[in-house]
Amino acid sequence: MSEYKFITLRENEQLKDAAASWFNSKWGVPKEAYLECMDSYLSGETEYGWYLCLCGDEIVGGLGVIENDFHDRKDLTPNVCAVYTDEEHRGNRIAGNLLDMAVEDLRKNGVSPVYLVTDHTSFYERYGWEFYCMAQGDGEEEMTRLYIHR
């Protein structure tokens, strides 16, 4: 695990453009949408942060926190979003460390609980998340699982 470094985007603001491009390449959400959320975080407008795992100078994992992750339960906020670990780095608890880091960071800022939507059925439970309810994703036919971390 010593080869990995876990940071918030505020710890290295120069990574903003690279991080937005990296998330865009994983999820297909426009880079500009990531930049807008990242700018709100970096300016202090919100404490909903962006968390990265670096291997050397390369981003190999990340996640963000936003108001709502494109689902109908607008009352359940904030939401962890865009959780991703590059395939060759999976199995090293990168996502778990990022999730723990985000939850703790938010808790320190008085934000709890935190939510996320996913199609995974057992992954998040390993890191203290509980299934909460089903939610309707924007433009999705199928319902998706919504989790809570208290």
N, C-alpha and C. Protein backbone atom coordinates (compact mmCIF):
# COMPACT_ATOMS: atom_id res chain seq x y z
N MET A 1 0.83 -1.20 0.00
CA MET A 1 0.00 0.00 0.00
C MET A 1 0.87 1.25 0.00
N SER A 2 2.15 1.12 0.33
CA SER A 2 3.00 2.30 0.43
C SER A 2 3.21 2.99 -0.91
N GLU A 3 2.93 2.29 -2.02
CA GLU A 3 3.10 2.92 -3.33
C GLU A 3 1.97 3.92 -3.63
N TYR A 4 0.92 3.88 -2.85
CA TYR A 4 -0.23 4.74 -3.10
C TYR A 4 -0.24 5.94 -2.17
N LYS A 5 -0.68 7.06 -2.72
CA LYS A 5 -0.84 8.28 -1.92
C LYS A 5 -2.29 8.75 -2.10
N PHE A 6 -2.97 8.97 -0.98
CA PHE A 6 -4.37 9.40 -0.98
C PHE A 6 -4.43 10.88 -0.62
N ILE A 7 -5.07 11.66 -1.47
CA ILE A 7 -5.12 13.11 -1.25
C ILE A 7 -6.51 13.65 -1.58
N THR A 8 -6.79 14.84 -1.04
CA THR A 8 -7.94 15.61 -1.52
C THR A 8 -7.42 16.50 -2.64
N LEU A 9 -8.31 16.92 -3.48
CA LEU A 9 -7.92 17.82 -4.56
C LEU A 9 -7.38 19.14 -4.00
N ARG A 10 -7.84 19.55 -2.83
CA ARG A 10 -7.32 20.78 -2.21
C ARG A 10 -5.84 20.64 -1.86
N GLU A 11 -5.37 19.43 -1.65
CA GLU A 11 -3.96 19.22 -1.33
C GLU A 11 -3.06 19.36 -2.56
N ASN A 12 -3.64 19.25 -3.74
CA ASN A 12 -2.87 19.40 -4.97
C ASN A 12 -3.79 19.93 -6.07
N GLU A 13 -4.10 21.22 -5.99
CA GLU A 13 -5.05 21.84 -6.93
C GLU A 13 -4.58 21.75 -8.38
N GLN A 14 -3.27 21.59 -8.59
CA GLN A 14 -2.74 21.50 -9.95
C GLN A 14 -3.25 20.27 -10.68
N LEU A 15 -3.78 19.31 -9.95
CA LEU A 15 -4.31 18.09 -10.56
C LEU A 15 -5.74 18.24 -11.07
N LYS A 16 -6.33 19.41 -10.88
CA LYS A 16 -7.75 19.59 -11.23
C LYS A 16 -8.06 19.19 -12.67
N ASP A 17 -7.34 19.70 -13.63
CA ASP A 17 -7.63 19.41 -15.03
C ASP A 17 -7.42 17.92 -15.33
N ALA A 18 -6.32 17.38 -14.82
CA ALA A 18 -6.05 15.95 -15.03
C ALA A 18 -7.12 15.08 -14.38
N ALA A 19 -7.56 15.49 -13.17
CA ALA A 19 -8.59 14.72 -12.47
C ALA A 19 -9.91 14.77 -13.24
N ALA A 20 -10.29 15.95 -13.71
CA ALA A 20 -11.54 16.07 -14.47
C ALA A 20 -11.49 15.21 -15.74
N SER A 21 -10.35 15.21 -16.40
CA SER A 21 -10.18 14.37 -17.59
C SER A 21 -10.24 12.88 -17.24
N TRP A 22 -9.61 12.53 -16.11
CA TRP A 22 -9.60 11.13 -15.69
C TRP A 22 -11.02 10.65 -15.40
N PHE A 23 -11.79 11.42 -14.60
CA PHE A 23 -13.17 11.03 -14.29
C PHE A 23 -14.01 10.97 -15.56
N ASN A 24 -13.84 11.94 -16.46
CA ASN A 24 -14.57 11.95 -17.72
C ASN A 24 -14.29 10.68 -18.52
N SER A 25 -13.04 10.23 -18.53
CA SER A 25 -12.68 9.03 -19.29
C SER A 25 -13.29 7.76 -18.69
N LYS A 26 -13.59 7.78 -17.40
CA LYS A 26 -14.16 6.60 -16.74
C LYS A 26 -15.68 6.57 -16.83
N TRP A 27 -16.32 7.73 -16.75
CA TRP A 27 -17.78 7.76 -16.62
C TRP A 27 -18.50 8.41 -17.80
N GLY A 28 -17.80 9.14 -18.66
CA GLY A 28 -18.45 9.77 -19.80
C GLY A 28 -19.23 11.02 -19.47
N VAL A 29 -19.22 11.44 -18.22
CA VAL A 29 -19.85 12.71 -17.84
C VAL A 29 -18.94 13.81 -18.36
N PRO A 30 -19.50 14.89 -18.92
CA PRO A 30 -18.65 15.94 -19.49
C PRO A 30 -17.61 16.47 -18.50
N LYS A 31 -16.41 16.66 -19.00
CA LYS A 31 -15.31 17.18 -18.20
C LYS A 31 -15.70 18.49 -17.52
N GLU A 32 -16.45 19.31 -18.22
CA GLU A 32 -16.86 20.61 -17.69
C GLU A 32 -17.70 20.46 -16.42
N ALA A 33 -18.51 19.40 -16.36
CA ALA A 33 -19.34 19.17 -15.17
C ALA A 33 -18.44 18.86 -13.97
N TYR A 34 -17.41 18.05 -14.19
CA TYR A 34 -16.46 17.78 -13.11
C TYR A 34 -15.73 19.06 -12.70
N LEU A 35 -15.28 19.83 -13.68
CA LEU A 35 -14.55 21.06 -13.37
C LEU A 35 -15.40 22.03 -12.55
N GLU A 36 -16.68 22.13 -12.89
CA GLU A 36 -17.59 23.01 -12.15
C GLU A 36 -17.69 22.58 -10.68
N CYS A 37 -17.87 21.30 -10.45
CA CYS A 37 -17.96 20.79 -9.07
C CYS A 37 -16.63 20.96 -8.34
N MET A 38 -15.54 20.69 -9.02
CA MET A 38 -14.23 20.83 -8.42
C MET A 38 -13.93 22.28 -8.07
N ASP A 39 -14.32 23.21 -8.95
CA ASP A 39 -14.11 24.63 -8.66
C ASP A 39 -14.89 25.07 -7.42
N SER A 40 -16.11 24.57 -7.26
CA SER A 40 -16.91 24.90 -6.06
C SER A 40 -16.22 24.42 -4.80
N TYR A 41 -15.61 23.26 -4.88
CA TYR A 41 -14.88 22.70 -3.74
C TYR A 41 -13.60 23.49 -3.48
N LEU A 42 -12.85 23.74 -4.52
CA LEU A 42 -11.56 24.44 -4.35
C LEU A 42 -11.74 25.88 -3.87
N SER A 43 -12.84 26.50 -4.24
CA SER A 43 -13.08 27.89 -3.82
C SER A 43 -13.64 27.98 -2.40
N GLY A 44 -14.02 26.83 -1.83
CA GLY A 44 -14.60 26.83 -0.48
C GLY A 44 -16.09 27.06 -0.47
N GLU A 45 -16.70 27.11 -1.65
CA GLU A 45 -18.15 27.28 -1.77
C GLU A 45 -18.89 26.08 -1.17
N THR A 46 -18.25 24.90 -1.24
CA THR A 46 -18.82 23.67 -0.68
C THR A 46 -17.70 22.84 -0.05
N GLU A 47 -18.08 22.00 0.87
CA GLU A 47 -17.13 21.04 1.44
C GLU A 47 -17.28 19.67 0.79
N TYR A 48 -18.11 19.60 -0.24
CA TYR A 48 -18.27 18.34 -0.97
C TYR A 48 -17.04 18.16 -1.85
N GLY A 49 -16.13 17.29 -1.41
CA GLY A 49 -14.80 17.22 -1.98
C GLY A 49 -14.57 16.22 -3.08
N TRP A 50 -13.32 16.20 -3.51
CA TRP A 50 -12.83 15.29 -4.53
C TRP A 50 -11.59 14.62 -3.98
N TYR A 51 -11.54 13.30 -4.07
CA TYR A 51 -10.53 12.48 -3.42
C TYR A 51 -9.85 11.62 -4.46
N LEU A 52 -8.52 11.58 -4.40
CA LEU A 52 -7.75 10.89 -5.42
C LEU A 52 -6.74 9.94 -4.80
N CYS A 53 -6.46 8.88 -5.53
CA CYS A 53 -5.37 7.97 -5.19
C CYS A 53 -4.35 8.08 -6.31
N LEU A 54 -3.11 8.36 -5.92
CA LEU A 54 -2.03 8.48 -6.88
C LEU A 54 -1.06 7.31 -6.72
N CYS A 55 -0.56 6.86 -7.83
CA CYS A 55 0.54 5.90 -7.86
C CYS A 55 1.63 6.63 -8.64
N GLY A 56 2.62 7.12 -7.92
CA GLY A 56 3.57 8.04 -8.54
C GLY A 56 2.83 9.33 -8.85
N ASP A 57 2.89 9.77 -10.10
CA ASP A 57 2.18 10.98 -10.52
C ASP A 57 0.87 10.66 -11.22
N GLU A 58 0.52 9.39 -11.29
CA GLU A 58 -0.65 8.95 -12.04
C GLU A 58 -1.87 8.76 -11.14
N ILE A 59 -3.01 9.29 -11.57
CA ILE A 59 -4.27 9.04 -10.86
C ILE A 59 -4.72 7.63 -11.19
N VAL A 60 -4.93 6.82 -10.14
CA VAL A 60 -5.36 5.43 -10.36
C VAL A 60 -6.69 5.13 -9.68
N GLY A 61 -7.20 6.08 -8.90
CA GLY A 61 -8.48 5.90 -8.23
C GLY A 61 -9.02 7.26 -7.82
N GLY A 62 -10.33 7.32 -7.66
CA GLY A 62 -10.91 8.58 -7.24
C GLY A 62 -12.39 8.47 -6.99
N LEU A 63 -12.89 9.52 -6.35
CA LEU A 63 -14.33 9.68 -6.15
C LEU A 63 -14.60 11.14 -5.82
N GLY A 64 -15.85 11.51 -5.93
CA GLY A 64 -16.27 12.87 -5.58
C GLY A 64 -17.48 12.82 -4.67
N VAL A 65 -17.84 13.98 -4.17
CA VAL A 65 -19.05 14.14 -3.38
C VAL A 65 -19.81 15.30 -3.99
N ILE A 66 -21.07 15.05 -4.32
CA ILE A 66 -21.92 16.06 -4.94
C ILE A 66 -23.28 16.07 -4.25
N GLU A 67 -24.09 17.06 -4.59
CA GLU A 67 -25.41 17.19 -3.98
C GLU A 67 -26.28 15.97 -4.28
N ASN A 68 -26.39 15.60 -5.57
CA ASN A 68 -27.25 14.49 -5.98
C ASN A 68 -26.62 13.80 -7.18
N ASP A 69 -26.57 12.48 -7.14
CA ASP A 69 -25.93 11.71 -8.20
C ASP A 69 -26.96 11.19 -9.20
N PHE A 70 -27.72 12.12 -9.76
CA PHE A 70 -28.63 11.82 -10.87
C PHE A 70 -29.69 10.78 -10.53
N HIS A 71 -30.40 10.98 -9.39
CA HIS A 71 -31.50 10.10 -9.03
C HIS A 71 -32.65 10.92 -8.45
N ASP A 72 -33.79 10.25 -8.27
CA ASP A 72 -35.01 10.95 -7.87
C ASP A 72 -35.11 11.28 -6.38
N ARG A 73 -34.22 10.80 -5.55
CA ARG A 73 -34.29 11.07 -4.11
C ARG A 73 -33.44 12.30 -3.78
N LYS A 74 -33.94 13.46 -4.23
CA LYS A 74 -33.22 14.72 -4.04
C LYS A 74 -33.09 15.09 -2.56
N ASP A 75 -33.90 14.47 -1.70
CA ASP A 75 -33.84 14.73 -0.26
C ASP A 75 -32.65 14.02 0.40
N LEU A 76 -32.07 13.07 -0.27
CA LEU A 76 -30.96 12.30 0.31
C LEU A 76 -29.64 12.85 -0.23
N THR A 77 -28.99 13.67 0.58
CA THR A 77 -27.80 14.40 0.13
C THR A 77 -26.81 14.53 1.26
N PRO A 78 -25.53 14.65 1.00
CA PRO A 78 -24.85 14.59 -0.30
C PRO A 78 -24.63 13.14 -0.74
N ASN A 79 -24.16 13.01 -1.97
CA ASN A 79 -23.92 11.70 -2.57
C ASN A 79 -22.47 11.55 -2.98
N VAL A 80 -21.89 10.41 -2.62
CA VAL A 80 -20.60 10.03 -3.19
C VAL A 80 -20.87 9.66 -4.64
N CYS A 81 -19.98 10.08 -5.53
CA CYS A 81 -20.17 9.80 -6.95
C CYS A 81 -18.85 9.38 -7.60
N ALA A 82 -18.96 8.82 -8.76
CA ALA A 82 -17.82 8.56 -9.65
C ALA A 82 -16.72 7.72 -9.00
N VAL A 83 -17.11 6.77 -8.15
CA VAL A 83 -16.12 5.90 -7.50
C VAL A 83 -15.50 5.00 -8.56
N TYR A 84 -14.18 5.06 -8.67
CA TYR A 84 -13.52 4.25 -9.69
C TYR A 84 -12.07 3.98 -9.29
N THR A 85 -11.63 2.76 -9.56
CA THR A 85 -10.23 2.37 -9.42
C THR A 85 -9.82 1.72 -10.72
N ASP A 86 -8.69 2.16 -11.29
CA ASP A 86 -8.20 1.54 -12.51
C ASP A 86 -8.04 0.03 -12.28
N GLU A 87 -8.41 -0.74 -13.30
CA GLU A 87 -8.49 -2.19 -13.18
C GLU A 87 -7.20 -2.83 -12.64
N GLU A 88 -6.06 -2.38 -13.11
CA GLU A 88 -4.80 -3.01 -12.70
C GLU A 88 -4.43 -2.70 -11.24
N HIS A 89 -5.18 -1.79 -10.60
CA HIS A 89 -4.91 -1.45 -9.20
C HIS A 89 -6.02 -1.93 -8.25
N ARG A 90 -6.99 -2.63 -8.78
CA ARG A 90 -8.08 -3.14 -7.94
C ARG A 90 -7.57 -4.23 -7.01
N GLY A 91 -8.26 -4.39 -5.88
CA GLY A 91 -7.88 -5.40 -4.92
C GLY A 91 -6.88 -4.89 -3.89
N ASN A 92 -6.59 -3.60 -3.92
CA ASN A 92 -5.64 -2.99 -2.99
C ASN A 92 -6.31 -2.04 -2.00
N ARG A 93 -7.63 -2.15 -1.88
CA ARG A 93 -8.43 -1.34 -0.96
C ARG A 93 -8.40 0.16 -1.26
N ILE A 94 -8.14 0.50 -2.52
CA ILE A 94 -8.09 1.91 -2.91
C ILE A 94 -9.46 2.56 -2.72
N ALA A 95 -10.50 1.95 -3.28
CA ALA A 95 -11.85 2.53 -3.15
C ALA A 95 -12.24 2.61 -1.68
N GLY A 96 -11.94 1.60 -0.90
CA GLY A 96 -12.27 1.61 0.53
C GLY A 96 -11.59 2.75 1.26
N ASN A 97 -10.32 2.97 0.97
CA ASN A 97 -9.61 4.08 1.61
C ASN A 97 -10.19 5.42 1.19
N LEU A 98 -10.52 5.56 -0.08
CA LEU A 98 -11.13 6.81 -0.56
C LEU A 98 -12.49 7.04 0.08
N LEU A 99 -13.29 5.97 0.18
CA LEU A 99 -14.61 6.10 0.81
C LEU A 99 -14.47 6.50 2.28
N ASP A 100 -13.56 5.85 3.00
CA ASP A 100 -13.34 6.19 4.41
C ASP A 100 -12.88 7.64 4.55
N MET A 101 -11.99 8.04 3.67
CA MET A 101 -11.46 9.40 3.70
C MET A 101 -12.57 10.43 3.49
N ALA A 102 -13.42 10.20 2.50
CA ALA A 102 -14.51 11.13 2.21
C ALA A 102 -15.51 11.20 3.36
N VAL A 103 -15.91 10.05 3.89
CA VAL A 103 -16.88 10.02 4.99
C VAL A 103 -16.32 10.76 6.20
N GLU A 104 -15.06 10.52 6.54
CA GLU A 104 -14.45 11.17 7.69
C GLU A 104 -14.30 12.67 7.47
N ASP A 105 -13.90 13.06 6.28
CA ASP A 105 -13.75 14.47 5.94
C ASP A 105 -15.10 15.19 6.07
N LEU A 106 -16.14 14.59 5.53
CA LEU A 106 -17.47 15.18 5.63
C LEU A 106 -17.94 15.25 7.08
N ARG A 107 -17.72 14.18 7.82
CA ARG A 107 -18.12 14.14 9.23
C ARG A 107 -17.45 15.27 10.02
N LYS A 108 -16.16 15.51 9.76
CA LYS A 108 -15.43 16.61 10.43
C LYS A 108 -16.06 17.97 10.13
N ASN A 109 -16.73 18.06 8.98
CA ASN A 109 -17.39 19.30 8.59
C ASN A 109 -18.88 19.28 8.92
N GLY A 110 -19.29 18.35 9.79
CA GLY A 110 -20.67 18.29 10.25
C GLY A 110 -21.65 17.70 9.25
N VAL A 111 -21.15 16.99 8.25
CA VAL A 111 -22.02 16.41 7.22
C VAL A 111 -22.09 14.90 7.42
N SER A 112 -23.27 14.43 7.83
CA SER A 112 -23.54 13.01 8.01
C SER A 112 -25.05 12.87 8.14
N PRO A 113 -25.67 11.89 7.54
CA PRO A 113 -25.11 10.79 6.77
C PRO A 113 -24.73 11.21 5.35
N VAL A 114 -24.16 10.24 4.62
CA VAL A 114 -23.77 10.39 3.23
C VAL A 114 -24.41 9.25 2.46
N TYR A 115 -24.73 9.48 1.20
CA TYR A 115 -25.44 8.49 0.38
C TYR A 115 -24.64 8.17 -0.88
N LEU A 116 -24.99 7.07 -1.53
CA LEU A 116 -24.46 6.77 -2.85
C LEU A 116 -25.40 5.81 -3.55
N VAL A 117 -25.39 5.87 -4.88
CA VAL A 117 -26.17 4.92 -5.68
C VAL A 117 -25.19 4.01 -6.43
N THR A 118 -25.62 2.76 -6.58
CA THR A 118 -24.75 1.77 -7.21
C THR A 118 -25.55 0.57 -7.67
N ASP A 119 -24.97 -0.17 -8.59
CA ASP A 119 -25.54 -1.46 -8.98
C ASP A 119 -24.86 -2.60 -8.24
N HIS A 120 -23.78 -2.30 -7.51
CA HIS A 120 -23.09 -3.35 -6.74
C HIS A 120 -23.97 -3.82 -5.59
N THR A 121 -23.85 -5.10 -5.26
CA THR A 121 -24.72 -5.64 -4.22
C THR A 121 -24.00 -6.02 -2.93
N SER A 122 -22.68 -6.02 -2.89
CA SER A 122 -22.01 -6.35 -1.63
C SER A 122 -20.74 -5.55 -1.38
N PHE A 123 -20.28 -4.84 -2.36
CA PHE A 123 -19.01 -4.13 -2.26
C PHE A 123 -19.00 -3.09 -1.13
N TYR A 124 -19.98 -2.22 -1.11
CA TYR A 124 -19.95 -1.09 -0.17
C TYR A 124 -20.17 -1.49 1.29
N GLU A 125 -20.85 -2.61 1.50
CA GLU A 125 -21.07 -3.08 2.87
C GLU A 125 -19.75 -3.32 3.60
N ARG A 126 -18.72 -3.71 2.85
CA ARG A 126 -17.40 -3.94 3.45
C ARG A 126 -16.83 -2.69 4.12
N TYR A 127 -17.33 -1.54 3.71
CA TYR A 127 -16.78 -0.27 4.19
C TYR A 127 -17.78 0.51 5.04
N GLY A 128 -18.74 -0.19 5.63
CA GLY A 128 -19.66 0.43 6.57
C GLY A 128 -20.91 1.05 5.96
N TRP A 129 -21.14 0.84 4.69
CA TRP A 129 -22.34 1.36 4.05
C TRP A 129 -23.47 0.35 4.22
N GLU A 130 -24.71 0.87 4.32
CA GLU A 130 -25.89 0.02 4.45
C GLU A 130 -26.85 0.30 3.30
N PHE A 131 -27.47 -0.76 2.78
CA PHE A 131 -28.53 -0.56 1.79
C PHE A 131 -29.63 0.25 2.46
N TYR A 132 -30.13 1.29 1.77
CA TYR A 132 -31.13 2.17 2.35
C TYR A 132 -32.48 2.03 1.62
N CYS A 133 -32.46 2.11 0.30
CA CYS A 133 -33.70 2.00 -0.48
C CYS A 133 -33.35 1.90 -1.96
N MET A 134 -34.36 1.72 -2.77
CA MET A 134 -34.17 1.77 -4.22
C MET A 134 -34.47 3.19 -4.68
N ALA A 135 -33.78 3.63 -5.71
CA ALA A 135 -33.99 4.97 -6.26
C ALA A 135 -34.07 4.86 -7.77
N GLN A 136 -34.75 5.82 -8.36
CA GLN A 136 -34.89 5.87 -9.81
C GLN A 136 -33.83 6.80 -10.37
N GLY A 137 -32.92 6.25 -11.16
CA GLY A 137 -31.89 7.07 -11.79
C GLY A 137 -32.50 7.93 -12.88
N ASP A 138 -32.02 9.15 -13.02
CA ASP A 138 -32.50 10.05 -14.07
C ASP A 138 -32.31 9.39 -15.43
N GLY A 139 -33.40 9.22 -16.17
CA GLY A 139 -33.34 8.64 -17.49
C GLY A 139 -33.09 7.14 -17.53
N GLU A 140 -33.16 6.48 -16.39
CA GLU A 140 -32.91 5.04 -16.32
C GLU A 140 -34.24 4.29 -16.23
N GLU A 141 -34.31 3.13 -16.88
CA GLU A 141 -35.51 2.31 -16.80
C GLU A 141 -35.56 1.52 -15.50
N GLU A 142 -34.42 0.99 -15.09
CA GLU A 142 -34.33 0.14 -13.90
C GLU A 142 -34.06 0.98 -12.66
N MET A 143 -34.59 0.54 -11.53
CA MET A 143 -34.28 1.16 -10.26
C MET A 143 -32.84 0.79 -9.89
N THR A 144 -32.22 1.59 -9.04
CA THR A 144 -30.86 1.32 -8.60
C THR A 144 -30.79 1.34 -7.09
N ARG A 145 -29.79 0.71 -6.53
CA ARG A 145 -29.62 0.61 -5.09
C ARG A 145 -29.05 1.91 -4.53
N LEU A 146 -29.60 2.38 -3.41
CA LEU A 146 -29.11 3.57 -2.76
C LEU A 146 -28.64 3.18 -1.36
N TYR A 147 -27.42 3.56 -1.04
CA TYR A 147 -26.79 3.21 0.23
C TYR A 147 -26.61 4.45 1.11
N ILE A 148 -26.46 4.20 2.40
CA ILE A 148 -26.24 5.26 3.39
C ILE A 148 -25.03 4.89 4.25
N HIS A 149 -24.28 5.91 4.63
CA HIS A 149 -23.21 5.74 5.63
C HIS A 149 -23.52 6.74 6.73
N ARG A 150 -23.80 6.22 7.93
CA ARG A 150 -24.22 7.07 9.05
C ARG A 150 -23.04 7.50 9.91
